[in-house]
């Protein structure tokens, strides 16, 4: 039928496998609404909403102790919530270095 070398057969098999995996992912994202929801939410998975996080959640973040967590909560109450994650810089005790670490772990909804 086809006179392919073993290396050519491996390449063809690899390409067919990639095509099947791609078609499977496409099918799942179109067919399953929960998969669509997970794909849409993926950027925020593992992050905490700074406007809803309680004191313990904030204290679980690296570099946030009891005093700083309380400062974040007080700022949130005074300002009516965070509008942008950069507002963290307005809180006493959050340096530029600490902000850079925290902005990857928090989001504003």
PDB file of N, CA and C in Angstrom:
ATOM      1  N   UNK A   1       0.830  -1.180   0.000  1.00  0.00           N
ATOM      2  CA  UNK A   1       0.000   0.000   0.000  1.00  0.00           C
ATOM      3  C   UNK A   1       0.884   1.257   0.000  1.00  0.00           C
ATOM      4  N   UNK A   2       1.292   1.737   1.166  1.00  0.00           N
ATOM      5  CA  UNK A   2       2.203   2.869   1.253  1.00  0.00           C
ATOM      6  C   UNK A   2       3.547   2.365   1.756  1.00  0.00           C
ATOM      7  N   UNK A   3       4.551   2.717   1.060  1.00  0.00           N
ATOM      8  CA  UNK A   3       5.892   2.313   1.475  1.00  0.00           C
ATOM      9  C   UNK A   3       6.506   3.432   2.307  1.00  0.00           C
ATOM     10  N   UNK A   4       6.219   3.405   3.616  1.00  0.00           N
ATOM     11  CA  UNK A   4       6.733   4.424   4.521  1.00  0.00           C
ATOM     12  C   UNK A   4       7.809   3.816   5.406  1.00  0.00           C
ATOM     13  N   UNK A   5       8.785   4.626   5.721  1.00  0.00           N
ATOM     14  CA  UNK A   5       9.823   4.188   6.653  1.00  0.00           C
ATOM     15  C   UNK A   5       9.233   4.203   8.063  1.00  0.00           C
ATOM     16  N   UNK A   6       9.855   3.502   8.992  1.00  0.00           N
ATOM     17  CA  UNK A   6       9.348   3.527  10.372  1.00  0.00           C
ATOM     18  C   UNK A   6       9.255   4.946  10.947  1.00  0.00           C
ATOM     19  N   UNK A   7      10.184   5.797  10.622  1.00  0.00           N
ATOM     20  CA  UNK A   7      10.157   7.171  11.114  1.00  0.00           C
ATOM     21  C   UNK A   7       8.979   7.936  10.506  1.00  0.00           C
ATOM     22  N   UNK A   8       8.708   7.734   9.230  1.00  0.00           N
ATOM     23  CA  UNK A   8       7.573   8.384   8.585  1.00  0.00           C
ATOM     24  C   UNK A   8       6.255   7.893   9.187  1.00  0.00           C
ATOM     25  N   UNK A   9       6.167   6.603   9.516  1.00  0.00           N
ATOM     26  CA  UNK A   9       4.971   6.052  10.152  1.00  0.00           C
ATOM     27  C   UNK A   9       4.745   6.708  11.520  1.00  0.00           C
ATOM     28  N   UNK A  10       5.822   6.921  12.278  1.00  0.00           N
ATOM     29  CA  UNK A  10       5.707   7.574  13.581  1.00  0.00           C
ATOM     30  C   UNK A  10       5.189   8.998  13.440  1.00  0.00           C
ATOM     31  N   UNK A  11       5.678   9.719  12.448  1.00  0.00           N
ATOM     32  CA  UNK A  11       5.245  11.095  12.224  1.00  0.00           C
ATOM     33  C   UNK A  11       3.763  11.116  11.852  1.00  0.00           C
ATOM     34  N   UNK A  12       3.333  10.221  10.966  1.00  0.00           N
ATOM     35  CA  UNK A  12       1.927  10.157  10.559  1.00  0.00           C
ATOM     36  C   UNK A  12       1.045   9.810  11.757  1.00  0.00           C
ATOM     37  N   UNK A  13       1.480   8.848  12.567  1.00  0.00           N
ATOM     38  CA  UNK A  13       0.724   8.460  13.748  1.00  0.00           C
ATOM     39  C   UNK A  13       0.633   9.622  14.737  1.00  0.00           C
ATOM     40  N   UNK A  14       1.722  10.346  14.930  1.00  0.00           N
ATOM     41  CA  UNK A  14       1.732  11.503  15.823  1.00  0.00           C
ATOM     42  C   UNK A  14       0.749  12.569  15.340  1.00  0.00           C
ATOM     43  N   UNK A  15       0.762  12.870  14.054  1.00  0.00           N
ATOM     44  CA  UNK A  15      -0.140  13.883  13.506  1.00  0.00           C
ATOM     45  C   UNK A  15      -1.603  13.459  13.625  1.00  0.00           C
ATOM     46  N   UNK A  16      -1.879  12.180  13.393  1.00  0.00           N
ATOM     47  CA  UNK A  16      -3.246  11.678  13.547  1.00  0.00           C
ATOM     48  C   UNK A  16      -3.701  11.776  15.010  1.00  0.00           C
ATOM     49  N   UNK A  17      -2.802  11.480  15.937  1.00  0.00           N
ATOM     50  CA  UNK A  17      -3.127  11.579  17.355  1.00  0.00           C
ATOM     51  C   UNK A  17      -3.442  13.019  17.735  1.00  0.00           C
ATOM     52  N   UNK A  18      -2.630  13.955  17.271  1.00  0.00           N
ATOM     53  CA  UNK A  18      -2.891  15.372  17.545  1.00  0.00           C
ATOM     54  C   UNK A  18      -4.231  15.812  16.983  1.00  0.00           C
ATOM     55  N   UNK A  19      -4.546  15.372  15.788  1.00  0.00           N
ATOM     56  CA  UNK A  19      -5.817  15.733  15.165  1.00  0.00           C
ATOM     57  C   UNK A  19      -6.986  15.183  15.983  1.00  0.00           C
ATOM     58  N   UNK A  20      -6.887  13.940  16.438  1.00  0.00           N
ATOM     59  CA  UNK A  20      -7.961  13.346  17.236  1.00  0.00           C
ATOM     60  C   UNK A  20      -8.133  14.051  18.577  1.00  0.00           C
ATOM     61  N   UNK A  21      -7.033  14.384  19.229  1.00  0.00           N
ATOM     62  CA  UNK A  21      -7.111  15.104  20.498  1.00  0.00           C
ATOM     63  C   UNK A  21      -7.754  16.472  20.277  1.00  0.00           C
ATOM     64  N   UNK A  22      -7.363  17.170  19.240  1.00  0.00           N
ATOM     65  CA  UNK A  22      -7.947  18.469  18.930  1.00  0.00           C
ATOM     66  C   UNK A  22      -9.438  18.372  18.663  1.00  0.00           C
ATOM     67  N   UNK A  23      -9.849  17.362  17.917  1.00  0.00           N
ATOM     68  CA  UNK A  23     -11.274  17.178  17.635  1.00  0.00           C
ATOM     69  C   UNK A  23     -12.031  16.846  18.924  1.00  0.00           C
ATOM     70  N   UNK A  24     -11.414  16.075  19.816  1.00  0.00           N
ATOM     71  CA  UNK A  24     -12.049  15.746  21.090  1.00  0.00           C
ATOM     72  C   UNK A  24     -12.249  16.972  21.958  1.00  0.00           C
ATOM     73  N   UNK A  25     -11.242  17.808  22.033  1.00  0.00           N
ATOM     74  CA  UNK A  25     -11.354  19.043  22.815  1.00  0.00           C
ATOM     75  C   UNK A  25     -12.408  19.954  22.215  1.00  0.00           C
ATOM     76  N   UNK A  26     -12.413  20.074  20.912  1.00  0.00           N
ATOM     77  CA  UNK A  26     -13.416  20.898  20.230  1.00  0.00           C
ATOM     78  C   UNK A  26     -14.816  20.377  20.517  1.00  0.00           C
ATOM     79  N   UNK A  27     -14.998  19.076  20.438  1.00  0.00           N
ATOM     80  CA  UNK A  27     -16.297  18.473  20.705  1.00  0.00           C
ATOM     81  C   UNK A  27     -16.746  18.765  22.138  1.00  0.00           C
ATOM     82  N   UNK A  28     -15.829  18.568  23.108  1.00  0.00           N
ATOM     83  CA  UNK A  28     -16.190  18.781  24.507  1.00  0.00           C
ATOM     84  C   UNK A  28     -16.544  20.227  24.802  1.00  0.00           C
ATOM     85  N   UNK A  29     -15.810  21.170  24.233  1.00  0.00           N
ATOM     86  CA  UNK A  29     -16.110  22.578  24.507  1.00  0.00           C
ATOM     87  C   UNK A  29     -17.434  22.993  23.883  1.00  0.00           C
ATOM     88  N   UNK A  30     -17.818  22.375  22.770  1.00  0.00           N
ATOM     89  CA  UNK A  30     -19.097  22.704  22.143  1.00  0.00           C
ATOM     90  C   UNK A  30     -20.247  21.956  22.804  1.00  0.00           C
ATOM     91  N   UNK A  31     -20.002  20.760  23.256  1.00  0.00           N
ATOM     92  CA  UNK A  31     -21.061  19.880  23.750  1.00  0.00           C
ATOM     93  C   UNK A  31     -21.350  20.071  25.237  1.00  0.00           C
ATOM     94  N   UNK A  32     -20.336  20.261  26.014  1.00  0.00           N
ATOM     95  CA  UNK A  32     -20.501  20.291  27.471  1.00  0.00           C
ATOM     96  C   UNK A  32     -20.416  21.721  27.983  1.00  0.00           C
ATOM     97  N   UNK A  33     -21.498  22.221  28.496  1.00  0.00           N
ATOM     98  CA  UNK A  33     -21.506  23.601  28.989  1.00  0.00           C
ATOM     99  C   UNK A  33     -20.593  23.771  30.190  1.00  0.00           C
ATOM    100  N   UNK A  34     -20.436  22.720  31.008  1.00  0.00           N
ATOM    101  CA  UNK A  34     -19.552  22.853  32.164  1.00  0.00           C
ATOM    102  C   UNK A  34     -18.107  23.033  31.729  1.00  0.00           C
ATOM    103  N   UNK A  35     -17.718  22.375  30.640  1.00  0.00           N
ATOM    104  CA  UNK A  35     -16.353  22.549  30.139  1.00  0.00           C
ATOM    105  C   UNK A  35     -16.188  23.968  29.617  1.00  0.00           C
ATOM    106  N   UNK A  36     -17.209  24.488  28.941  1.00  0.00           N
ATOM    107  CA  UNK A  36     -17.148  25.873  28.463  1.00  0.00           C
ATOM    108  C   UNK A  36     -16.984  26.822  29.638  1.00  0.00           C
ATOM    109  N   UNK A  37     -17.749  26.591  30.687  1.00  0.00           N
ATOM    110  CA  UNK A  37     -17.668  27.444  31.857  1.00  0.00           C
ATOM    111  C   UNK A  37     -16.279  27.379  32.471  1.00  0.00           C
ATOM    112  N   UNK A  38     -15.720  26.182  32.587  1.00  0.00           N
ATOM    113  CA  UNK A  38     -14.371  26.054  33.143  1.00  0.00           C
ATOM    114  C   UNK A  38     -13.339  26.747  32.282  1.00  0.00           C
ATOM    115  N   UNK A  39     -13.477  26.629  30.975  1.00  0.00           N
ATOM    116  CA  UNK A  39     -12.533  27.289  30.071  1.00  0.00           C
ATOM    117  C   UNK A  39     -12.633  28.795  30.231  1.00  0.00           C
ATOM    118  N   UNK A  40     -13.840  29.319  30.383  1.00  0.00           N
ATOM    119  CA  UNK A  40     -14.028  30.759  30.543  1.00  0.00           C
ATOM    120  C   UNK A  40     -13.520  31.252  31.895  1.00  0.00           C
ATOM    121  N   UNK A  41     -13.639  30.418  32.923  1.00  0.00           N
ATOM    122  CA  UNK A  41     -13.234  30.826  34.259  1.00  0.00           C
ATOM    123  C   UNK A  41     -11.766  30.567  34.555  1.00  0.00           C
ATOM    124  N   UNK A  42     -11.099  29.857  33.694  1.00  0.00           N
ATOM    125  CA  UNK A  42      -9.725  29.435  33.950  1.00  0.00           C
ATOM    126  C   UNK A  42      -8.790  30.553  34.397  1.00  0.00           C
ATOM    127  N   UNK A  43      -8.880  31.772  33.847  1.00  0.00           N
ATOM    128  CA  UNK A  43      -7.941  32.800  34.292  1.00  0.00           C
ATOM    129  C   UNK A  43      -8.045  33.134  35.775  1.00  0.00           C
ATOM    130  N   UNK A  44      -9.222  32.937  36.394  1.00  0.00           N
ATOM    131  CA  UNK A  44      -9.402  33.299  37.790  1.00  0.00           C
ATOM    132  C   UNK A  44      -9.328  32.117  38.744  1.00  0.00           C
ATOM    133  N   UNK A  45      -9.142  30.921  38.225  1.00  0.00           N
ATOM    134  CA  UNK A  45      -9.067  29.756  39.103  1.00  0.00           C
ATOM    135  C   UNK A  45      -7.806  29.868  39.952  1.00  0.00           C
ATOM    136  N   UNK A  46      -7.972  29.651  41.234  1.00  0.00           N
ATOM    137  CA  UNK A  46      -6.850  29.737  42.151  1.00  0.00           C
ATOM    138  C   UNK A  46      -6.594  31.130  42.673  1.00  0.00           C
ATOM    139  N   UNK A  47      -7.410  32.076  42.269  1.00  0.00           N
ATOM    140  CA  UNK A  47      -7.273  33.451  42.737  1.00  0.00           C
ATOM    141  C   UNK A  47      -8.426  33.784  43.675  1.00  0.00           C
ATOM    142  N   UNK A  48      -8.220  34.773  44.516  1.00  0.00           N
ATOM    143  CA  UNK A  48      -9.250  35.213  45.444  1.00  0.00           C
ATOM    144  C   UNK A  48      -9.775  36.572  45.014  1.00  0.00           C
ATOM    145  N   UNK A  49     -11.084  36.756  45.142  1.00  0.00           N
ATOM    146  CA  UNK A  49     -11.702  38.055  44.863  1.00  0.00           C
ATOM    147  C   UNK A  49     -11.420  38.953  46.058  1.00  0.00           C
ATOM    148  N   UNK A  50     -10.681  40.008  45.831  1.00  0.00           N
ATOM    149  CA  UNK A  50     -10.265  40.879  46.934  1.00  0.00           C
ATOM    150  C   UNK A  50     -11.444  41.575  47.602  1.00  0.00           C
ATOM    151  N   UNK A  51     -12.554  41.694  46.895  1.00  0.00           N
ATOM    152  CA  UNK A  51     -13.738  42.333  47.482  1.00  0.00           C
ATOM    153  C   UNK A  51     -14.590  41.367  48.302  1.00  0.00           C
ATOM    154  N   UNK A  52     -14.313  40.080  48.228  1.00  0.00           N
ATOM    155  CA  UNK A  52     -15.107  39.103  48.969  1.00  0.00           C
ATOM    156  C   UNK A  52     -14.274  38.249  49.930  1.00  0.00           C
ATOM    157  N   UNK A  53     -12.974  38.287  49.795  1.00  0.00           N
ATOM    158  CA  UNK A  53     -12.103  37.440  50.628  1.00  0.00           C
ATOM    159  C   UNK A  53     -12.212  37.843  52.095  1.00  0.00           C
ATOM    160  N   UNK A  54     -12.371  36.843  52.956  1.00  0.00           N
ATOM    161  CA  UNK A  54     -12.415  37.119  54.384  1.00  0.00           C
ATOM    162  C   UNK A  54     -10.987  37.223  54.942  1.00  0.00           C
ATOM    163  N   UNK A  55     -10.918  37.523  56.222  1.00  0.00           N
ATOM    164  CA  UNK A  55      -9.618  37.740  56.864  1.00  0.00           C
ATOM    165  C   UNK A  55      -8.713  36.515  56.758  1.00  0.00           C
ATOM    166  N   UNK A  56      -9.262  35.329  56.982  1.00  0.00           N
ATOM    167  CA  UNK A  56      -8.453  34.113  56.924  1.00  0.00           C
ATOM    168  C   UNK A  56      -7.934  33.831  55.522  1.00  0.00           C
ATOM    169  N   UNK A  57      -8.769  34.078  54.526  1.00  0.00           N
ATOM    170  CA  UNK A  57      -8.340  33.882  53.132  1.00  0.00           C
ATOM    171  C   UNK A  57      -7.198  34.828  52.805  1.00  0.00           C
ATOM    172  N   UNK A  58      -7.327  36.068  53.221  1.00  0.00           N
ATOM    173  CA  UNK A  58      -6.258  37.041  52.969  1.00  0.00           C
ATOM    174  C   UNK A  58      -4.976  36.644  53.699  1.00  0.00           C
ATOM    175  N   UNK A  59      -5.113  36.134  54.909  1.00  0.00           N
ATOM    176  CA  UNK A  59      -3.931  35.749  55.688  1.00  0.00           C
ATOM    177  C   UNK A  59      -3.249  34.508  55.123  1.00  0.00           C
ATOM    178  N   UNK A  60      -3.955  33.741  54.316  1.00  0.00           N
ATOM    179  CA  UNK A  60      -3.341  32.585  53.661  1.00  0.00           C
ATOM    180  C   UNK A  60      -2.417  32.989  52.519  1.00  0.00           C
ATOM    181  N   UNK A  61      -2.542  34.218  52.067  1.00  0.00           N
ATOM    182  CA  UNK A  61      -1.695  34.707  50.973  1.00  0.00           C
ATOM    183  C   UNK A  61      -0.295  35.006  51.509  1.00  0.00           C
ATOM    184  N   UNK A  62       0.726  34.765  50.694  1.00  0.00           N
ATOM    185  CA  UNK A  62       2.097  35.022  51.159  1.00  0.00           C
ATOM    186  C   UNK A  62       2.339  36.502  51.442  1.00  0.00           C
ATOM    187  N   UNK A  63       2.906  36.769  52.607  1.00  0.00           N
ATOM    188  CA  UNK A  63       3.242  38.142  52.963  1.00  0.00           C
ATOM    189  C   UNK A  63       2.111  38.911  53.622  1.00  0.00           C
ATOM    190  N   UNK A  64       0.951  38.272  53.812  1.00  0.00           N
ATOM    191  CA  UNK A  64      -0.183  38.947  54.437  1.00  0.00           C
ATOM    192  C   UNK A  64      -0.377  38.360  55.831  1.00  0.00           C
ATOM    193  N   UNK A  65      -0.220  39.222  56.820  1.00  0.00           N
ATOM    194  CA  UNK A  65      -0.457  38.818  58.200  1.00  0.00           C
ATOM    195  C   UNK A  65      -1.789  39.360  58.677  1.00  0.00           C
ATOM    196  N   UNK A  66      -2.016  39.221  59.966  1.00  0.00           N
ATOM    197  CA  UNK A  66      -3.290  39.656  60.546  1.00  0.00           C
ATOM    198  C   UNK A  66      -3.515  41.155  60.372  1.00  0.00           C
ATOM    199  N   UNK A  67      -2.477  41.930  60.629  1.00  0.00           N
ATOM    200  CA  UNK A  67      -2.595  43.395  60.558  1.00  0.00           C
ATOM    201  C   UNK A  67      -2.861  43.863  59.118  1.00  0.00           C
ATOM    202  N   UNK A  68      -2.142  43.302  58.168  1.00  0.00           N
ATOM    203  CA  UNK A  68      -2.318  43.701  56.771  1.00  0.00           C
ATOM    204  C   UNK A  68      -3.679  43.241  56.233  1.00  0.00           C
ATOM    205  N   UNK A  69      -4.109  42.054  56.638  1.00  0.00           N
ATOM    206  CA  UNK A  69      -5.431  41.573  56.224  1.00  0.00           C
ATOM    207  C   UNK A  69      -6.516  42.515  56.746  1.00  0.00           C
ATOM    208  N   UNK A  70      -6.376  42.947  58.001  1.00  0.00           N
ATOM    209  CA  UNK A  70      -7.339  43.887  58.566  1.00  0.00           C
ATOM    210  C   UNK A  70      -7.296  45.223  57.829  1.00  0.00           C
ATOM    211  N   UNK A  71      -6.095  45.660  57.430  1.00  0.00           N
ATOM    212  CA  UNK A  71      -5.978  46.902  56.662  1.00  0.00           C
ATOM    213  C   UNK A  71      -6.672  46.815  55.311  1.00  0.00           C
ATOM    214  N   UNK A  72      -6.578  45.670  54.662  1.00  0.00           N
ATOM    215  CA  UNK A  72      -7.249  45.472  53.367  1.00  0.00           C
ATOM    216  C   UNK A  72      -8.761  45.521  53.552  1.00  0.00           C
ATOM    217  N   UNK A  73      -9.253  44.869  54.597  1.00  0.00           N
ATOM    218  CA  UNK A  73     -10.698  44.840  54.856  1.00  0.00           C
ATOM    219  C   UNK A  73     -11.208  46.242  55.201  1.00  0.00           C
ATOM    220  N   UNK A  74     -10.469  46.981  56.002  1.00  0.00           N
ATOM    221  CA  UNK A  74     -10.872  48.344  56.354  1.00  0.00           C
ATOM    222  C   UNK A  74     -10.885  49.246  55.125  1.00  0.00           C
ATOM    223  N   UNK A  75      -9.857  49.142  54.304  1.00  0.00           N
ATOM    224  CA  UNK A  75      -9.810  49.942  53.070  1.00  0.00           C
ATOM    225  C   UNK A  75     -11.010  49.612  52.192  1.00  0.00           C
ATOM    226  N   UNK A  76     -11.325  48.343  52.090  1.00  0.00           N
ATOM    227  CA  UNK A  76     -12.454  47.888  51.273  1.00  0.00           C
ATOM    228  C   UNK A  76     -13.764  48.491  51.782  1.00  0.00           C
ATOM    229  N   UNK A  77     -13.939  48.525  53.095  1.00  0.00           N
ATOM    230  CA  UNK A  77     -15.159  49.098  53.679  1.00  0.00           C
ATOM    231  C   UNK A  77     -15.235  50.606  53.441  1.00  0.00           C
ATOM    232  N   UNK A  78     -14.114  51.285  53.641  1.00  0.00           N
ATOM    233  CA  UNK A  78     -14.076  52.747  53.492  1.00  0.00           C
ATOM    234  C   UNK A  78     -14.321  53.186  52.049  1.00  0.00           C
ATOM    235  N   UNK A  79     -13.780  52.442  51.107  1.00  0.00           N
ATOM    236  CA  UNK A  79     -13.862  52.835  49.697  1.00  0.00           C
ATOM    237  C   UNK A  79     -15.051  52.210  48.973  1.00  0.00           C
ATOM    238  N   UNK A  80     -15.793  51.361  49.623  1.00  0.00           N
ATOM    239  CA  UNK A  80     -16.912  50.692  48.961  1.00  0.00           C
ATOM    240  C   UNK A  80     -16.435  49.585  48.038  1.00  0.00           C
ATOM    241  N   UNK A  81     -15.301  49.017  48.336  1.00  0.00           N
ATOM    242  CA  UNK A  81     -14.750  47.931  47.534  1.00  0.00           C
ATOM    243  C   UNK A  81     -13.641  48.426  46.619  1.00  0.00           C
ATOM    244  N   UNK A  82     -12.846  47.470  46.172  1.00  0.00           N
ATOM    245  CA  UNK A  82     -11.759  47.776  45.254  1.00  0.00           C
ATOM    246  C   UNK A  82     -12.321  47.872  43.834  1.00  0.00           C
ATOM    247  N   UNK A  83     -11.922  48.884  43.113  1.00  0.00           N
ATOM    248  CA  UNK A  83     -12.311  49.020  41.697  1.00  0.00           C
ATOM    249  C   UNK A  83     -11.250  48.414  40.789  1.00  0.00           C
ATOM    250  N   UNK A  84     -10.004  48.448  41.268  1.00  0.00           N
ATOM    251  CA  UNK A  84      -8.864  47.956  40.501  1.00  0.00           C
ATOM    252  C   UNK A  84      -7.860  47.338  41.468  1.00  0.00           C
ATOM    253  N   UNK A  85      -7.180  46.311  41.025  1.00  0.00           N
ATOM    254  CA  UNK A  85      -6.226  45.610  41.886  1.00  0.00           C
ATOM    255  C   UNK A  85      -5.067  46.525  42.312  1.00  0.00           C
ATOM    256  N   UNK A  86      -4.784  47.546  41.518  1.00  0.00           N
ATOM    257  CA  UNK A  86      -3.689  48.470  41.846  1.00  0.00           C
ATOM    258  C   UNK A  86      -3.965  49.299  43.092  1.00  0.00           C
ATOM    259  N   UNK A  87      -5.221  49.350  43.530  1.00  0.00           N
ATOM    260  CA  UNK A  87      -5.555  50.071  44.760  1.00  0.00           C
ATOM    261  C   UNK A  87      -4.873  49.450  45.981  1.00  0.00           C
ATOM    262  N   UNK A  88      -4.385  48.223  45.847  1.00  0.00           N
ATOM    263  CA  UNK A  88      -3.644  47.602  46.948  1.00  0.00           C
ATOM    264  C   UNK A  88      -2.459  48.456  47.358  1.00  0.00           C
ATOM    265  N   UNK A  89      -1.893  49.182  46.406  1.00  0.00           N
ATOM    266  CA  UNK A  89      -0.729  50.019  46.692  1.00  0.00           C
ATOM    267  C   UNK A  89      -1.066  51.144  47.666  1.00  0.00           C
ATOM    268  N   UNK A  90      -2.359  51.466  47.811  1.00  0.00           N
ATOM    269  CA  UNK A  90      -2.778  52.533  48.714  1.00  0.00           C
ATOM    270  C   UNK A  90      -2.795  52.089  50.176  1.00  0.00           C
ATOM    271  N   UNK A  91      -2.606  50.816  50.414  1.00  0.00           N
ATOM    272  CA  UNK A  91      -2.670  50.281  51.775  1.00  0.00           C
ATOM    273  C   UNK A  91      -1.275  50.293  52.389  1.00  0.00           C
ATOM    274  N   UNK A  92      -1.191  50.856  53.591  1.00  0.00           N
ATOM    275  CA  UNK A  92       0.083  50.926  54.298  1.00  0.00           C
ATOM    276  C   UNK A  92       0.590  49.510  54.546  1.00  0.00           C
ATOM    277  N   UNK A  93       1.833  49.263  54.165  1.00  0.00           N
ATOM    278  CA  UNK A  93       2.445  47.951  54.366  1.00  0.00           C
ATOM    279  C   UNK A  93       2.556  47.137  53.089  1.00  0.00           C
ATOM    280  N   UNK A  94       1.939  47.612  52.015  1.00  0.00           N
ATOM    281  CA  UNK A  94       2.051  46.898  50.735  1.00  0.00           C
ATOM    282  C   UNK A  94       3.017  47.667  49.843  1.00  0.00           C
ATOM    283  N   UNK A  95       4.209  47.142  49.743  1.00  0.00           N
ATOM    284  CA  UNK A  95       5.245  47.745  48.905  1.00  0.00           C
ATOM    285  C   UNK A  95       5.037  47.316  47.455  1.00  0.00           C
ATOM    286  N   UNK A  96       5.809  47.897  46.566  1.00  0.00           N
ATOM    287  CA  UNK A  96       5.738  47.511  45.156  1.00  0.00           C
ATOM    288  C   UNK A  96       6.074  46.030  44.986  1.00  0.00           C
ATOM    289  N   UNK A  97       7.058  45.563  45.751  1.00  0.00           N
ATOM    290  CA  UNK A  97       7.460  44.157  45.677  1.00  0.00           C
ATOM    291  C   UNK A  97       6.316  43.242  46.116  1.00  0.00           C
ATOM    292  N   UNK A  98       5.706  43.579  47.238  1.00  0.00           N
ATOM    293  CA  UNK A  98       4.605  42.763  47.762  1.00  0.00           C
ATOM    294  C   UNK A  98       3.410  42.820  46.815  1.00  0.00           C
ATOM    295  N   UNK A  99       3.160  44.007  46.239  1.00  0.00           N
ATOM    296  CA  UNK A  99       2.062  44.150  45.282  1.00  0.00           C
ATOM    297  C   UNK A  99       2.268  43.234  44.078  1.00  0.00           C
ATOM    298  N   UNK A 100       3.474  43.170  43.564  1.00  0.00           N
ATOM    299  CA  UNK A 100       3.762  42.319  42.399  1.00  0.00           C
ATOM    300  C   UNK A 100       3.469  40.852  42.703  1.00  0.00           C
ATOM    301  N   UNK A 101       3.754  40.420  43.920  1.00  0.00           N
ATOM    302  CA  UNK A 101       3.468  39.038  44.302  1.00  0.00           C
ATOM    303  C   UNK A 101       1.968  38.808  44.475  1.00  0.00           C
ATOM    304  N   UNK A 102       1.281  39.790  45.037  1.00  0.00           N
ATOM    305  CA  UNK A 102      -0.142  39.630  45.342  1.00  0.00           C
ATOM    306  C   UNK A 102      -1.037  39.762  44.125  1.00  0.00           C
ATOM    307  N   UNK A 103      -0.652  40.576  43.161  1.00  0.00           N
ATOM    308  CA  UNK A 103      -1.543  40.811  42.021  1.00  0.00           C
ATOM    309  C   UNK A 103      -1.794  39.541  41.213  1.00  0.00           C
ATOM    310  N   UNK A 104      -0.908  38.558  41.322  1.00  0.00           N
ATOM    311  CA  UNK A 104      -1.092  37.292  40.633  1.00  0.00           C
ATOM    312  C   UNK A 104      -2.061  36.370  41.374  1.00  0.00           C
ATOM    313  N   UNK A 105      -2.345  36.686  42.633  1.00  0.00           N
ATOM    314  CA  UNK A 105      -3.175  35.815  43.463  1.00  0.00           C
ATOM    315  C   UNK A 105      -4.559  36.375  43.736  1.00  0.00           C
ATOM    316  N   UNK A 106      -4.780  37.624  43.355  1.00  0.00           N
ATOM    317  CA  UNK A 106      -6.048  38.299  43.620  1.00  0.00           C
ATOM    318  C   UNK A 106      -6.658  38.834  42.330  1.00  0.00           C
ATOM    319  N   UNK A 107      -7.952  39.040  42.346  1.00  0.00           N
ATOM    320  CA  UNK A 107      -8.618  39.705  41.231  1.00  0.00           C
ATOM    321  C   UNK A 107      -9.762  40.550  41.767  1.00  0.00           C
ATOM    322  N   UNK A 108     -10.215  41.494  40.962  1.00  0.00           N
ATOM    323  CA  UNK A 108     -11.337  42.365  41.319  1.00  0.00           C
ATOM    324  C   UNK A 108     -12.480  42.039  40.382  1.00  0.00           C
ATOM    325  N   UNK A 109     -13.614  41.724  40.968  1.00  0.00           N
ATOM    326  CA  UNK A 109     -14.805  41.370  40.178  1.00  0.00           C
ATOM    327  C   UNK A 109     -15.733  42.545  40.088  1.00  0.00           C
TER     328      UNK A 109
END
